[in-house]
Amino acid sequence: MRKSRVVGFAIAGILMVGTIAEAQSATTTPRARRHATDRGGRVRDASLRGITLSDAEKTRVKAIHAKYKDESKALRASLRPALQEIRAARQARDSAAVKAGLAKTAGEREKLWALMERERTEIRGALTPENQKVFDANAKTAEQRRAEWSKKGEGVRGDRPGRRGRRGSPGAEPLKG
């Protein structure tokens, strides 16, 4: 009896040490970052917030997303190197390079914007009249948010958690609650 108890404690100790060693391991597997537009992310479906789609509407919306997916992916891929240069210039605080990069990519960004607008218009047409009202309200909210961001030069995000460095920024609204 005593021998089996000692063996049991030894096994438990080995398992506990292995678990602690794994938890303290410096190597962690990095999680893949999801882009907001990947697989129906927030940016694409923000206008569908609060809408419960019927099965037919889901099918139509998926078909519309699939229709525009390749073209938008190609446009984004063509913009990626220039946008990375703009990001590097921003981090280097080189405003002249940022303005030049934005001017250089204006046409491509305009094409992408027009493509997204066409997609939104088709999605709105695939919805029922009740859902179109919610869709329009969401679109109006997004437009107001964009106007506010462009007016202030940056988004007012102080009232949303997880945005470090924004709460005390000029123009940030105090936390609610």
Protein backbone atom coordinates (compact mmCIF):
# COMPACT_ATOMS: atom_id res chain seq x y z
CA MET A 1 0.00 0.00 0.00
CA ARG A 2 2.76 2.39 0.96
CA LYS A 3 4.68 1.60 -2.24
CA SER A 4 1.68 2.34 -4.49
CA ARG A 5 1.15 5.65 -2.70
CA VAL A 6 4.78 6.66 -3.29
CA VAL A 7 4.52 5.68 -6.98
CA GLY A 8 1.30 7.71 -7.30
CA PHE A 9 2.93 10.79 -5.77
CA ALA A 10 5.96 10.36 -8.02
CA ILE A 11 3.78 10.24 -11.15
CA ALA A 12 1.77 13.26 -9.97
CA GLY A 13 5.00 15.19 -9.31
CA ILE A 14 6.40 14.38 -12.75
CA LEU A 15 3.19 15.51 -14.43
CA MET A 16 3.10 18.71 -12.39
CA VAL A 17 6.72 19.59 -13.18
CA GLY A 18 6.08 19.00 -16.90
CA THR A 19 3.03 21.23 -16.83
CA ILE A 20 4.87 24.05 -15.03
CA ALA A 21 7.83 23.77 -17.40
CA GLU A 22 5.52 24.02 -20.41
CA ALA A 23 3.75 27.05 -18.95
CA GLN A 24 7.07 28.83 -18.37
CA SER A 25 8.39 28.03 -21.82
CA ALA A 26 9.54 31.15 -23.66
CA THR A 27 8.49 29.80 -27.03
CA THR A 28 4.84 30.31 -27.73
CA THR A 29 3.12 29.62 -30.98
CA PRO A 30 2.11 32.94 -32.52
CA ARG A 31 -1.51 33.30 -33.44
CA ALA A 32 -2.21 34.31 -36.98
CA ARG A 33 -3.52 37.87 -37.23
CA ARG A 34 -6.85 38.07 -38.95
CA HIS A 35 -7.30 41.00 -41.24
CA ALA A 36 -10.63 42.69 -40.75
CA THR A 37 -11.79 41.74 -44.21
CA ASP A 38 -10.75 38.10 -44.06
CA ARG A 39 -13.59 35.60 -44.05
CA GLY A 40 -16.34 38.14 -43.54
CA GLY A 41 -14.58 40.22 -40.91
CA ARG A 42 -15.84 43.33 -39.18
CA VAL A 43 -15.12 45.88 -41.89
CA ARG A 44 -17.12 44.09 -44.53
CA ASP A 45 -20.01 43.07 -42.29
CA ALA A 46 -20.23 46.14 -40.06
CA SER A 47 -23.16 47.33 -42.14
CA LEU A 48 -24.90 44.02 -41.40
CA ARG A 49 -24.63 44.50 -37.62
CA GLY A 50 -27.96 43.92 -35.93
CA ILE A 51 -29.46 42.18 -38.95
CA THR A 52 -30.62 38.58 -38.78
CA LEU A 53 -30.34 37.25 -42.30
CA SER A 54 -32.68 34.59 -43.65
CA ASP A 55 -31.11 31.57 -45.34
CA ALA A 56 -31.88 33.01 -48.77
CA GLU A 57 -30.30 36.35 -47.83
CA LYS A 58 -27.22 34.59 -46.44
CA THR A 59 -26.83 32.71 -49.71
CA ARG A 60 -27.17 35.89 -51.78
CA VAL A 61 -24.73 37.85 -49.58
CA LYS A 62 -22.16 35.03 -49.76
CA ALA A 63 -22.52 34.95 -53.54
CA ILE A 64 -21.98 38.72 -53.73
CA HIS A 65 -18.89 38.50 -51.50
CA ALA A 66 -17.52 35.71 -53.70
CA LYS A 67 -18.21 37.74 -56.83
CA TYR A 68 -16.08 40.68 -55.64
CA LYS A 69 -13.46 38.70 -53.71
CA ASP A 70 -10.93 38.13 -56.51
CA GLU A 71 -11.02 41.67 -57.83
CA SER A 72 -10.65 43.25 -54.40
CA LYS A 73 -7.89 40.81 -53.49
CA ALA A 74 -5.96 41.77 -56.65
CA LEU A 75 -6.38 45.50 -55.93
CA ARG A 76 -5.25 45.06 -52.34
CA ALA A 77 -2.22 43.04 -53.45
CA SER A 78 -1.22 45.76 -55.92
CA LEU A 79 -1.55 48.40 -53.18
CA ARG A 80 0.29 46.46 -50.48
CA PRO A 81 3.91 47.48 -51.32
CA ALA A 82 3.02 51.18 -51.63
CA LEU A 83 1.02 51.10 -48.40
CA GLN A 84 3.95 49.47 -46.61
CA GLU A 85 6.18 52.29 -47.85
CA ILE A 86 3.64 54.82 -46.57
CA ARG A 87 3.53 53.08 -43.20
CA ALA A 88 7.34 53.12 -42.98
CA ALA A 89 7.38 56.82 -43.89
CA ARG A 90 4.75 57.52 -41.22
CA GLN A 91 6.81 55.72 -38.61
CA ALA A 92 9.86 57.71 -39.71
CA ARG A 93 7.72 60.85 -39.41
CA ASP A 94 8.41 61.75 -43.04
CA SER A 95 5.23 63.61 -43.95
CA ALA A 96 6.43 64.51 -47.44
CA ALA A 97 6.94 60.82 -48.30
CA VAL A 98 3.54 59.98 -46.81
CA LYS A 99 1.81 62.63 -48.94
CA ALA A 100 3.69 61.50 -52.05
CA GLY A 101 2.78 57.86 -51.39
CA LEU A 102 -0.87 58.71 -50.83
CA ALA A 103 -0.94 60.76 -54.03
CA LYS A 104 0.67 57.88 -55.94
CA THR A 105 -1.90 55.36 -54.70
CA ALA A 106 -4.95 57.64 -54.95
CA GLY A 107 -6.21 56.07 -58.18
CA GLU A 108 -5.90 52.49 -56.93
CA ARG A 109 -7.50 53.36 -53.61
CA GLU A 110 -10.36 55.08 -55.47
CA LYS A 111 -10.89 51.91 -57.56
CA LEU A 112 -10.98 49.81 -54.39
CA TRP A 113 -13.42 52.23 -52.74
CA ALA A 114 -15.71 52.15 -55.81
CA LEU A 115 -15.57 48.35 -55.82
CA MET A 116 -16.57 48.21 -52.15
CA GLU A 117 -19.41 50.66 -52.81
CA ARG A 118 -20.73 48.49 -55.66
CA GLU A 119 -20.55 45.45 -53.38
CA ARG A 120 -22.43 47.28 -50.61
CA THR A 121 -25.09 48.41 -53.06
CA GLU A 122 -25.63 44.85 -54.29
CA ILE A 123 -25.77 43.52 -50.73
CA ARG A 124 -28.36 46.16 -49.82
CA GLY A 125 -30.44 45.09 -52.82
CA ALA A 126 -30.32 41.47 -51.64
CA LEU A 127 -31.91 42.36 -48.28
CA THR A 128 -35.56 42.58 -47.29
CA PRO A 129 -37.01 46.10 -46.83
CA GLU A 130 -36.88 45.74 -43.00
CA ASN A 131 -33.22 44.73 -43.13
CA GLN A 132 -32.48 47.52 -45.62
CA LYS A 133 -33.59 50.06 -42.99
CA VAL A 134 -31.10 48.66 -40.46
CA PHE A 135 -28.43 48.46 -43.18
CA ASP A 136 -29.01 52.13 -44.05
CA ALA A 137 -28.82 53.14 -40.38
CA ASN A 138 -25.52 51.27 -40.02
CA ALA A 139 -24.19 52.93 -43.17
CA LYS A 140 -25.21 56.36 -41.85
CA THR A 141 -23.44 55.69 -38.55
CA ALA A 142 -20.29 54.62 -40.38
CA GLU A 143 -20.41 57.72 -42.58
CA GLN A 144 -20.76 59.95 -39.52
CA ARG A 145 -17.81 58.19 -37.89
CA ARG A 146 -15.70 58.67 -41.03
CA ALA A 147 -16.65 62.36 -41.16
CA GLU A 148 -15.69 62.78 -37.51
CA TRP A 149 -12.34 61.06 -38.10
CA SER A 150 -11.53 63.19 -41.11
CA LYS A 151 -12.55 66.36 -39.29
CA LYS A 152 -10.25 65.67 -36.36
CA GLY A 153 -7.52 63.97 -38.31
CA GLU A 154 -7.85 60.81 -36.26
CA GLY A 155 -10.56 58.65 -34.84
CA VAL A 156 -12.02 59.41 -31.44
CA ARG A 157 -11.58 56.04 -29.84
CA GLY A 158 -11.16 56.96 -26.23
CA ASP A 159 -14.47 55.41 -25.22
CA ARG A 160 -13.57 51.99 -26.60
CA PRO A 161 -11.37 49.63 -24.59
CA GLY A 162 -8.14 48.22 -25.95
CA ARG A 163 -6.89 51.37 -27.65
CA ARG A 164 -3.71 52.28 -25.82
CA GLY A 165 -2.54 55.85 -26.03
CA ARG A 166 -5.84 57.22 -27.28
CA ARG A 167 -7.72 57.92 -24.06
CA GLY A 168 -5.78 61.01 -23.15
CA SER A 169 -5.43 62.30 -26.69
CA PRO A 170 -6.82 65.74 -27.51
CA GLY A 171 -10.43 65.55 -28.58
CA ALA A 172 -11.01 62.16 -26.94
CA GLU A 173 -14.33 61.94 -25.18
CA PRO A 174 -14.35 60.78 -21.55
CA LEU A 175 -15.28 57.22 -20.73
CA LYS A 176 -18.96 56.59 -20.26
CA GLY A 177 -20.20 54.72 -17.27
